Amino acid sequence: MPITQKKTAKKPTILMTMGQQDRNGHPYQVMTHKYMQPIVDIADCIPLLVPTCFGVEDIDQYLDMVDGVYLSGAGSNIDPSLYGQENLTPEKAQDVNRDLFDLAIIRGAIARKLPILGICRGMQELNVALGGDLHQKVYAEDHLDDHREDPNTSVDEQYGPRHSINIEPNTWLHALLGDSITINSLHGQGICTLGKGLEPLARAEDGLIEAIHGPAYGQFILGVQWHPEWQANDNPDSIKLFKAFGDACRKEFSLQQTNHQLTA
């Protein structure tokens, strides 16, 4: 007898931009597995990996295919000239193609009212795209702590619980997570001046902004400075965050399906 496959409902599609890595003299476009896993397992969405090395001409076509945008962390820093500063960390890797692509993707997604989730570098991209700037060396600021991981420890230790954050009262994130949660911390840079329309959702004990949203834009926008994707299935707070993002993308997916049916 012929094998029949069970028909499953379509899921929202999430755009994930990749970054460049050079390996053995060859340029690669890459995405770390840990970022994709919670999109599939928790948000229950389909990741669409997009290269950032071919310019911004096709951004509208990419955005036509998706129901949300997910900006991951990376080992590279954003080019400081994009927020009006000289480079104070020339020893750190950069990925200017990703910078230009992601800033354009963010602006396009905001214009289309698509949900956006940014993690670590992704949160910083969100801030820069909307006119904000960064502390290039958080650890060199007298009023801030050192938020970097210890490179001499194991990966499990680097991504282990590091410090608490205080969540702004009377916000949707407070309703979701409560007054305070404990997070990991693996970043040398952080938000200095907030971009247009962005507001803080959480701060570290030293006052550094750890989460942002964009209530002025009327859609789901969340940036977090920590790494909720790390072992997300075992972290109740991470599960809540990725479910919230997935639900926002499902809402957009349903809206697009309805609009398609009305115009068909």
C-alpha atoms as a PDB file:
ATOM      1  CA  MET A   1       0.000   0.000   0.000  1.00  0.00           C
ATOM      2  CA  PRO A   2       1.239   3.549  -0.681  1.00  0.00           C
ATOM      3  CA  ILE A   3       2.632   5.483   2.260  1.00  0.00           C
ATOM      4  CA  THR A   4       0.483   8.446   3.195  1.00  0.00           C
ATOM      5  CA  GLN A   5       1.843  11.449   5.008  1.00  0.00           C
ATOM      6  CA  LYS A   6      -0.130  13.209   7.678  1.00  0.00           C
ATOM      7  CA  LYS A   7      -1.002  16.731   6.624  1.00  0.00           C
ATOM      8  CA  THR A   8       0.077  19.294   9.196  1.00  0.00           C
ATOM      9  CA  ALA A   9      -0.944  22.907   9.542  1.00  0.00           C
ATOM     10  CA  LYS A  10       1.409  25.495   8.119  1.00  0.00           C
ATOM     11  CA  LYS A  11       3.571  27.359  10.587  1.00  0.00           C
ATOM     12  CA  PRO A  12       4.822  30.953  10.622  1.00  0.00           C
ATOM     13  CA  THR A  13       8.166  31.587   8.930  1.00  0.00           C
ATOM     14  CA  ILE A  14      10.897  33.474  10.781  1.00  0.00           C
ATOM     15  CA  LEU A  15      13.701  35.273   8.928  1.00  0.00           C
ATOM     16  CA  MET A  16      17.113  34.686  10.508  1.00  0.00           C
ATOM     17  CA  THR A  17      20.098  36.541   9.082  1.00  0.00           C
ATOM     18  CA  MET A  18      23.458  34.794   8.962  1.00  0.00           C
ATOM     19  CA  GLY A  19      26.947  36.208   9.459  1.00  0.00           C
ATOM     20  CA  GLN A  20      30.308  35.727   7.797  1.00  0.00           C
ATOM     21  CA  GLN A  21      33.069  33.455   9.056  1.00  0.00           C
ATOM     22  CA  ASP A  22      36.291  32.669   7.226  1.00  0.00           C
ATOM     23  CA  ARG A  23      37.389  29.026   7.372  1.00  0.00           C
ATOM     24  CA  ASN A  24      40.528  27.729   5.670  1.00  0.00           C
ATOM     25  CA  GLY A  25      40.571  30.678   3.299  1.00  0.00           C
ATOM     26  CA  HIS A  26      36.892  30.385   2.340  1.00  0.00           C
ATOM     27  CA  PRO A  27      34.122  32.801   3.407  1.00  0.00           C
ATOM     28  CA  TYR A  28      31.100  31.059   4.958  1.00  0.00           C
ATOM     29  CA  GLN A  29      27.648  32.300   5.907  1.00  0.00           C
ATOM     30  CA  VAL A  30      26.783  30.682   9.232  1.00  0.00           C
ATOM     31  CA  MET A  31      24.122  30.407  11.941  1.00  0.00           C
ATOM     32  CA  THR A  32      24.729  28.683  15.262  1.00  0.00           C
ATOM     33  CA  HIS A  33      22.445  25.749  15.991  1.00  0.00           C
ATOM     34  CA  LYS A  34      21.483  27.045  19.445  1.00  0.00           C
ATOM     35  CA  TYR A  35      19.707  30.057  17.947  1.00  0.00           C
ATOM     36  CA  MET A  36      17.570  27.962  15.598  1.00  0.00           C
ATOM     37  CA  GLN A  37      16.538  25.290  18.094  1.00  0.00           C
ATOM     38  CA  PRO A  38      14.076  27.340  20.201  1.00  0.00           C
ATOM     39  CA  ILE A  39      12.430  28.764  17.090  1.00  0.00           C
ATOM     40  CA  VAL A  40      11.535  25.201  16.082  1.00  0.00           C
ATOM     41  CA  ASP A  41      10.993  23.613  19.497  1.00  0.00           C
ATOM     42  CA  ILE A  42       9.397  26.430  21.492  1.00  0.00           C
ATOM     43  CA  ALA A  43       8.106  29.138  19.131  1.00  0.00           C
ATOM     44  CA  ASP A  44       6.878  26.358  16.796  1.00  0.00           C
ATOM     45  CA  CYS A  45       7.912  28.292  13.708  1.00  0.00           C
ATOM     46  CA  ILE A  46       9.978  27.655  10.575  1.00  0.00           C
ATOM     47  CA  PRO A  47      13.412  29.353  10.385  1.00  0.00           C
ATOM     48  CA  LEU A  48      14.395  30.851   7.031  1.00  0.00           C
ATOM     49  CA  LEU A  49      18.163  31.449   6.959  1.00  0.00           C
ATOM     50  CA  VAL A  50      19.162  34.440   4.845  1.00  0.00           C
ATOM     51  CA  PRO A  51      22.701  35.356   3.711  1.00  0.00           C
ATOM     52  CA  THR A  52      23.818  38.923   4.388  1.00  0.00           C
ATOM     53  CA  CYS A  53      26.708  39.072   1.918  1.00  0.00           C
ATOM     54  CA  PHE A  54      24.858  40.041  -1.284  1.00  0.00           C
ATOM     55  CA  GLY A  55      23.619  43.546  -0.509  1.00  0.00           C
ATOM     56  CA  VAL A  56      20.216  44.898   0.433  1.00  0.00           C
ATOM     57  CA  GLU A  57      18.473  44.978  -2.951  1.00  0.00           C
ATOM     58  CA  ASP A  58      16.285  41.909  -2.246  1.00  0.00           C
ATOM     59  CA  ILE A  59      15.194  42.757   1.284  1.00  0.00           C
ATOM     60  CA  ASP A  60      11.568  43.414   0.350  1.00  0.00           C
ATOM     61  CA  GLN A  61      11.333  40.010  -1.315  1.00  0.00           C
ATOM     62  CA  TYR A  62      12.763  38.313   1.759  1.00  0.00           C
ATOM     63  CA  LEU A  63      10.292  40.147   4.002  1.00  0.00           C
ATOM     64  CA  ASP A  64       7.420  39.128   1.715  1.00  0.00           C
ATOM     65  CA  MET A  65       8.141  35.505   2.659  1.00  0.00           C
ATOM     66  CA  VAL A  66       8.143  35.792   6.453  1.00  0.00           C
ATOM     67  CA  ASP A  67       5.975  36.480   9.481  1.00  0.00           C
ATOM     68  CA  GLY A  68       8.707  37.698  11.816  1.00  0.00           C
ATOM     69  CA  VAL A  69      12.388  38.628  12.101  1.00  0.00           C
ATOM     70  CA  TYR A  70      14.894  37.097  14.530  1.00  0.00           C
ATOM     71  CA  LEU A  71      18.313  38.732  14.985  1.00  0.00           C
ATOM     72  CA  SER A  72      20.887  36.510  16.668  1.00  0.00           C
ATOM     73  CA  GLY A  73      24.057  37.221  18.560  1.00  0.00           C
ATOM     74  CA  ALA A  74      27.491  36.853  16.953  1.00  0.00           C
ATOM     75  CA  GLY A  75      31.180  37.163  17.684  1.00  0.00           C
ATOM     76  CA  SER A  76      31.470  40.375  15.661  1.00  0.00           C
ATOM     77  CA  ASN A  77      30.774  43.942  16.753  1.00  0.00           C
ATOM     78  CA  ILE A  78      28.696  46.504  14.865  1.00  0.00           C
ATOM     79  CA  ASP A  79      30.783  49.004  12.894  1.00  0.00           C
ATOM     80  CA  PRO A  80      30.874  52.055  15.224  1.00  0.00           C
ATOM     81  CA  SER A  81      30.828  54.458  12.266  1.00  0.00           C
ATOM     82  CA  LEU A  82      27.168  53.461  11.833  1.00  0.00           C
ATOM     83  CA  TYR A  83      26.407  55.212  15.117  1.00  0.00           C
ATOM     84  CA  GLY A  84      28.891  58.069  14.773  1.00  0.00           C
ATOM     85  CA  GLN A  85      31.852  56.793  16.789  1.00  0.00           C
ATOM     86  CA  GLU A  86      35.478  55.825  16.199  1.00  0.00           C
ATOM     87  CA  ASN A  87      36.315  52.137  16.606  1.00  0.00           C
ATOM     88  CA  LEU A  88      37.635  51.548  20.140  1.00  0.00           C
ATOM     89  CA  THR A  89      37.890  47.755  19.751  1.00  0.00           C
ATOM     90  CA  PRO A  90      39.841  47.173  16.507  1.00  0.00           C
ATOM     91  CA  GLU A  91      40.910  43.762  17.774  1.00  0.00           C
ATOM     92  CA  LYS A  92      37.311  42.510  17.600  1.00  0.00           C
ATOM     93  CA  ALA A  93      35.861  40.980  14.434  1.00  0.00           C
ATOM     94  CA  GLN A  94      33.419  42.978  12.354  1.00  0.00           C
ATOM     95  CA  ASP A  95      30.843  42.006   9.742  1.00  0.00           C
ATOM     96  CA  VAL A  96      29.861  45.161   7.871  1.00  0.00           C
ATOM     97  CA  ASN A  97      27.741  43.261   5.342  1.00  0.00           C
ATOM     98  CA  ARG A  98      25.607  41.918   8.175  1.00  0.00           C
ATOM     99  CA  ASP A  99      25.445  45.388   9.732  1.00  0.00           C
ATOM    100  CA  LEU A 100      24.055  46.999   6.599  1.00  0.00           C
ATOM    101  CA  PHE A 101      21.697  44.126   5.841  1.00  0.00           C
ATOM    102  CA  ASP A 102      20.303  43.827   9.348  1.00  0.00           C
ATOM    103  CA  LEU A 103      19.756  47.554   9.804  1.00  0.00           C
ATOM    104  CA  ALA A 104      17.768  47.586   6.560  1.00  0.00           C
ATOM    105  CA  ILE A 105      15.858  44.437   7.585  1.00  0.00           C
ATOM    106  CA  ILE A 106      14.908  46.033  10.909  1.00  0.00           C
ATOM    107  CA  ARG A 107      13.611  49.196   9.275  1.00  0.00           C
ATOM    108  CA  GLY A 108      11.695  47.177   6.701  1.00  0.00           C
ATOM    109  CA  ALA A 109      10.195  44.894   9.340  1.00  0.00           C
ATOM    110  CA  ILE A 110       9.097  47.867  11.433  1.00  0.00           C
ATOM    111  CA  ALA A 111       7.433  49.459   8.410  1.00  0.00           C
ATOM    112  CA  ARG A 112       5.551  46.198   7.756  1.00  0.00           C
ATOM    113  CA  LYS A 113       4.601  45.727  11.444  1.00  0.00           C
ATOM    114  CA  LEU A 114       6.398  42.371  11.594  1.00  0.00           C
ATOM    115  CA  PRO A 115       7.366  40.971  15.017  1.00  0.00           C
ATOM    116  CA  ILE A 116      11.072  41.337  15.856  1.00  0.00           C
ATOM    117  CA  LEU A 117      13.227  39.520  18.401  1.00  0.00           C
ATOM    118  CA  GLY A 118      16.868  40.543  18.858  1.00  0.00           C
ATOM    119  CA  ILE A 119      19.399  38.724  21.052  1.00  0.00           C
ATOM    120  CA  CYS A 120      22.690  40.299  22.230  1.00  0.00           C
ATOM    121  CA  ARG A 121      24.173  41.734  18.999  1.00  0.00           C
ATOM    122  CA  GLY A 122      20.637  41.621  17.597  1.00  0.00           C
ATOM    123  CA  MET A 123      19.400  43.919  20.350  1.00  0.00           C
ATOM    124  CA  GLN A 124      22.281  46.294  19.662  1.00  0.00           C
ATOM    125  CA  GLU A 125      21.433  46.252  15.931  1.00  0.00           C
ATOM    126  CA  LEU A 126      17.851  47.156  16.764  1.00  0.00           C
ATOM    127  CA  ASN A 127      19.027  50.127  18.806  1.00  0.00           C
ATOM    128  CA  VAL A 128      21.478  51.367  16.164  1.00  0.00           C
ATOM    129  CA  ALA A 129      18.919  50.940  13.349  1.00  0.00           C
ATOM    130  CA  LEU A 130      16.655  53.384  15.178  1.00  0.00           C
ATOM    131  CA  GLY A 131      19.344  55.992  15.831  1.00  0.00           C
ATOM    132  CA  GLY A 132      20.746  54.866  19.171  1.00  0.00           C
ATOM    133  CA  ASP A 133      24.362  54.214  20.098  1.00  0.00           C
ATOM    134  CA  LEU A 134      26.442  51.836  22.210  1.00  0.00           C
ATOM    135  CA  HIS A 135      29.005  51.651  24.966  1.00  0.00           C
ATOM    136  CA  GLN A 136      31.828  50.011  23.022  1.00  0.00           C
ATOM    137  CA  LYS A 137      33.537  48.955  26.257  1.00  0.00           C
ATOM    138  CA  VAL A 138      30.986  48.437  29.000  1.00  0.00           C
ATOM    139  CA  TYR A 139      33.796  47.108  31.213  1.00  0.00           C
ATOM    140  CA  ALA A 140      35.700  50.423  30.895  1.00  0.00           C
ATOM    141  CA  GLU A 141      32.776  52.548  32.114  1.00  0.00           C
ATOM    142  CA  ASP A 142      33.288  53.539  35.746  1.00  0.00           C
ATOM    143  CA  HIS A 143      29.600  53.184  36.618  1.00  0.00           C
ATOM    144  CA  LEU A 144      29.135  49.770  34.959  1.00  0.00           C
ATOM    145  CA  ASP A 145      30.271  46.234  35.750  1.00  0.00           C
ATOM    146  CA  ASP A 146      32.171  43.863  33.471  1.00  0.00           C
ATOM    147  CA  HIS A 147      29.518  41.824  31.644  1.00  0.00           C
ATOM    148  CA  ARG A 148      31.924  39.639  29.666  1.00  0.00           C
ATOM    149  CA  GLU A 149      32.302  35.892  30.054  1.00  0.00           C
ATOM    150  CA  ASP A 150      35.570  34.294  31.176  1.00  0.00           C
ATOM    151  CA  PRO A 151      37.074  32.765  28.004  1.00  0.00           C
ATOM    152  CA  ASN A 152      39.150  30.361  30.085  1.00  0.00           C
ATOM    153  CA  THR A 153      36.117  28.535  31.499  1.00  0.00           C
ATOM    154  CA  SER A 154      33.928  25.855  29.915  1.00  0.00           C
ATOM    155  CA  VAL A 155      31.013  26.795  27.671  1.00  0.00           C
ATOM    156  CA  ASP A 156      28.555  25.663  30.348  1.00  0.00           C
ATOM    157  CA  GLU A 157      30.210  28.019  32.841  1.00  0.00           C
ATOM    158  CA  GLN A 158      30.290  30.905  30.359  1.00  0.00           C
ATOM    159  CA  TYR A 159      26.551  30.563  29.723  1.00  0.00           C
ATOM    160  CA  GLY A 160      25.697  29.866  33.354  1.00  0.00           C
ATOM    161  CA  PRO A 161      23.631  32.200  35.591  1.00  0.00           C
ATOM    162  CA  ARG A 162      25.560  35.424  36.157  1.00  0.00           C
ATOM    163  CA  HIS A 163      23.429  38.231  37.591  1.00  0.00           C
ATOM    164  CA  SER A 164      19.863  39.329  38.099  1.00  0.00           C
ATOM    165  CA  ILE A 165      17.931  41.944  36.161  1.00  0.00           C
ATOM    166  CA  ASN A 166      15.099  44.126  37.382  1.00  0.00           C
ATOM    167  CA  ILE A 167      12.108  44.251  35.050  1.00  0.00           C
ATOM    168  CA  GLU A 168      10.244  47.523  34.614  1.00  0.00           C
ATOM    169  CA  PRO A 169       6.902  47.424  36.463  1.00  0.00           C
ATOM    170  CA  ASN A 170       3.620  47.811  34.571  1.00  0.00           C
ATOM    171  CA  THR A 171       5.100  46.397  31.357  1.00  0.00           C
ATOM    172  CA  TRP A 172       4.141  43.290  29.391  1.00  0.00           C
ATOM    173  CA  LEU A 173       7.517  41.733  30.228  1.00  0.00           C
ATOM    174  CA  HIS A 174       6.828  42.232  33.936  1.00  0.00           C
ATOM    175  CA  ALA A 175       3.479  40.498  33.491  1.00  0.00           C
ATOM    176  CA  LEU A 176       5.282  37.640  31.736  1.00  0.00           C
ATOM    177  CA  LEU A 177       8.371  37.187  33.947  1.00  0.00           C
ATOM    178  CA  GLY A 178       7.759  39.060  37.204  1.00  0.00           C
ATOM    179  CA  ASP A 179       9.937  41.528  39.117  1.00  0.00           C
ATOM    180  CA  SER A 180      13.340  39.956  38.490  1.00  0.00           C
ATOM    181  CA  ILE A 181      15.045  37.013  36.805  1.00  0.00           C
ATOM    182  CA  THR A 182      18.606  35.695  36.754  1.00  0.00           C
ATOM    183  CA  ILE A 183      20.403  35.704  33.400  1.00  0.00           C
ATOM    184  CA  ASN A 184      23.717  34.811  31.787  1.00  0.00           C
ATOM    185  CA  SER A 185      26.057  37.557  30.547  1.00  0.00           C
ATOM    186  CA  LEU A 186      28.485  37.328  27.612  1.00  0.00           C
ATOM    187  CA  HIS A 187      28.873  40.793  26.119  1.00  0.00           C
ATOM    188  CA  GLY A 188      31.463  43.541  26.059  1.00  0.00           C
ATOM    189  CA  GLN A 189      29.205  46.184  24.511  1.00  0.00           C
ATOM    190  CA  GLY A 190      25.804  47.516  25.517  1.00  0.00           C
ATOM    191  CA  ILE A 191      23.241  50.213  24.939  1.00  0.00           C
ATOM    192  CA  CYS A 192      24.207  53.779  25.796  1.00  0.00           C
ATOM    193  CA  THR A 193      21.589  56.049  24.168  1.00  0.00           C
ATOM    194  CA  LEU A 194      18.277  54.459  23.207  1.00  0.00           C
ATOM    195  CA  GLY A 195      17.050  54.649  19.614  1.00  0.00           C
ATOM    196  CA  LYS A 196      13.879  56.449  18.567  1.00  0.00           C
ATOM    197  CA  GLY A 197      10.697  54.876  19.910  1.00  0.00           C
ATOM    198  CA  LEU A 198      12.528  52.344  22.106  1.00  0.00           C
ATOM    199  CA  GLU A 199      12.071  52.021  25.863  1.00  0.00           C
ATOM    200  CA  PRO A 200      13.859  49.926  28.491  1.00  0.00           C
ATOM    201  CA  LEU A 201      12.141  46.800  29.776  1.00  0.00           C
ATOM    202  CA  ALA A 202      14.845  45.613  32.187  1.00  0.00           C
ATOM    203  CA  ARG A 203      18.140  46.741  33.705  1.00  0.00           C
ATOM    204  CA  ALA A 204      21.054  45.015  35.376  1.00  0.00           C
ATOM    205  CA  GLU A 205      21.976  45.850  38.954  1.00  0.00           C
ATOM    206  CA  ASP A 206      24.500  48.418  37.673  1.00  0.00           C
ATOM    207  CA  GLY A 207      21.819  50.172  35.599  1.00  0.00           C
ATOM    208  CA  LEU A 208      22.815  48.823  32.177  1.00  0.00           C
ATOM    209  CA  ILE A 209      19.827  48.274  29.902  1.00  0.00           C
ATOM    210  CA  GLU A 210      19.257  44.525  29.455  1.00  0.00           C
ATOM    211  CA  ALA A 211      15.958  44.478  27.536  1.00  0.00           C
ATOM    212  CA  ILE A 212      14.110  46.913  25.272  1.00  0.00           C
ATOM    213  CA  HIS A 213      10.848  47.144  23.367  1.00  0.00           C
ATOM    214  CA  GLY A 214       9.263  49.565  20.920  1.00  0.00           C
ATOM    215  CA  PRO A 215       5.732  50.447  22.089  1.00  0.00           C
ATOM    216  CA  ALA A 216       5.649  53.393  19.696  1.00  0.00           C
ATOM    217  CA  TYR A 217       5.620  51.033  16.710  1.00  0.00           C
ATOM    218  CA  GLY A 218       2.529  48.985  17.555  1.00  0.00           C
ATOM    219  CA  GLN A 219       4.009  45.504  17.045  1.00  0.00           C
ATOM    220  CA  PHE A 220       5.963  42.894  19.015  1.00  0.00           C
ATOM    221  CA  ILE A 221       9.516  44.232  19.367  1.00  0.00           C
ATOM    222  CA  LEU A 222      11.853  42.740  21.952  1.00  0.00           C
ATOM    223  CA  GLY A 223      15.601  42.998  22.358  1.00  0.00           C
ATOM    224  CA  VAL A 224      17.473  41.206  25.139  1.00  0.00           C
ATOM    225  CA  GLN A 225      21.156  41.545  25.961  1.00  0.00           C
ATOM    226  CA  TRP A 226      21.510  38.066  27.441  1.00  0.00           C
ATOM    227  CA  HIS A 227      21.265  34.662  25.713  1.00  0.00           C
ATOM    228  CA  PRO A 228      17.867  33.035  26.344  1.00  0.00           C
ATOM    229  CA  GLU A 229      18.514  30.624  23.458  1.00  0.00           C
ATOM    230  CA  TRP A 230      21.121  28.745  25.516  1.00  0.00           C
ATOM    231  CA  GLN A 231      19.514  25.467  26.693  1.00  0.00           C
ATOM    232  CA  ALA A 232      16.193  27.241  26.252  1.00  0.00           C
ATOM    233  CA  ASN A 233      14.104  24.086  26.705  1.00  0.00           C
ATOM    234  CA  ASP A 234      15.379  23.832  30.294  1.00  0.00           C
ATOM    235  CA  ASN A 235      14.769  27.473  31.213  1.00  0.00           C
ATOM    236  CA  PRO A 236      11.172  28.492  32.080  1.00  0.00           C
ATOM    237  CA  ASP A 237      11.917  32.180  31.426  1.00  0.00           C
ATOM    238  CA  SER A 238      13.368  31.440  27.989  1.00  0.00           C
ATOM    239  CA  ILE A 239      10.368  29.264  27.143  1.00  0.00           C
ATOM    240  CA  LYS A 240       8.027  32.159  27.970  1.00  0.00           C
ATOM    241  CA  LEU A 241      10.019  34.577  25.786  1.00  0.00           C
ATOM    242  CA  PHE A 242      10.161  32.320  22.730  1.00  0.00           C
ATOM    243  CA  LYS A 243       6.505  31.369  23.097  1.00  0.00           C
ATOM    244  CA  ALA A 244       5.569  35.051  23.207  1.00  0.00           C
ATOM    245  CA  PHE A 245       7.561  35.684  20.026  1.00  0.00           C
ATOM    246  CA  GLY A 246       6.041  32.637  18.338  1.00  0.00           C
ATOM    247  CA  ASP A 247       2.528  33.752  19.291  1.00  0.00           C
ATOM    248  CA  ALA A 248       3.171  37.203  17.827  1.00  0.00           C
ATOM    249  CA  CYS A 249       4.386  35.610  14.581  1.00  0.00           C
ATOM    250  CA  ARG A 250       1.343  33.310  14.500  1.00  0.00           C
ATOM    251  CA  LYS A 251      -0.904  36.345  14.809  1.00  0.00           C
ATOM    252  CA  GLU A 252       0.882  37.961  11.862  1.00  0.00           C
ATOM    253  CA  PHE A 253       0.690  34.684   9.908  1.00  0.00           C
ATOM    254  CA  SER A 254      -3.083  34.433  10.495  1.00  0.00           C
ATOM    255  CA  LEU A 255      -3.525  38.048   9.425  1.00  0.00           C
ATOM    256  CA  GLN A 256      -1.601  37.452   6.220  1.00  0.00           C
ATOM    257  CA  GLN A 257      -3.627  34.305   5.488  1.00  0.00           C
ATOM    258  CA  THR A 258      -6.866  36.200   5.988  1.00  0.00           C
ATOM    259  CA  ASN A 259      -5.720  39.055   3.735  1.00  0.00           C
ATOM    260  CA  HIS A 260      -4.699  36.533   1.071  1.00  0.00           C
ATOM    261  CA  GLN A 261      -8.114  34.872   1.174  1.00  0.00           C
ATOM    262  CA  LEU A 262      -9.888  38.231   0.905  1.00  0.00           C
ATOM    263  CA  THR A 263      -7.862  39.240  -2.142  1.00  0.00           C
ATOM    264  CA  ALA A 264      -7.920  35.822  -3.859  1.00  0.00           C
END
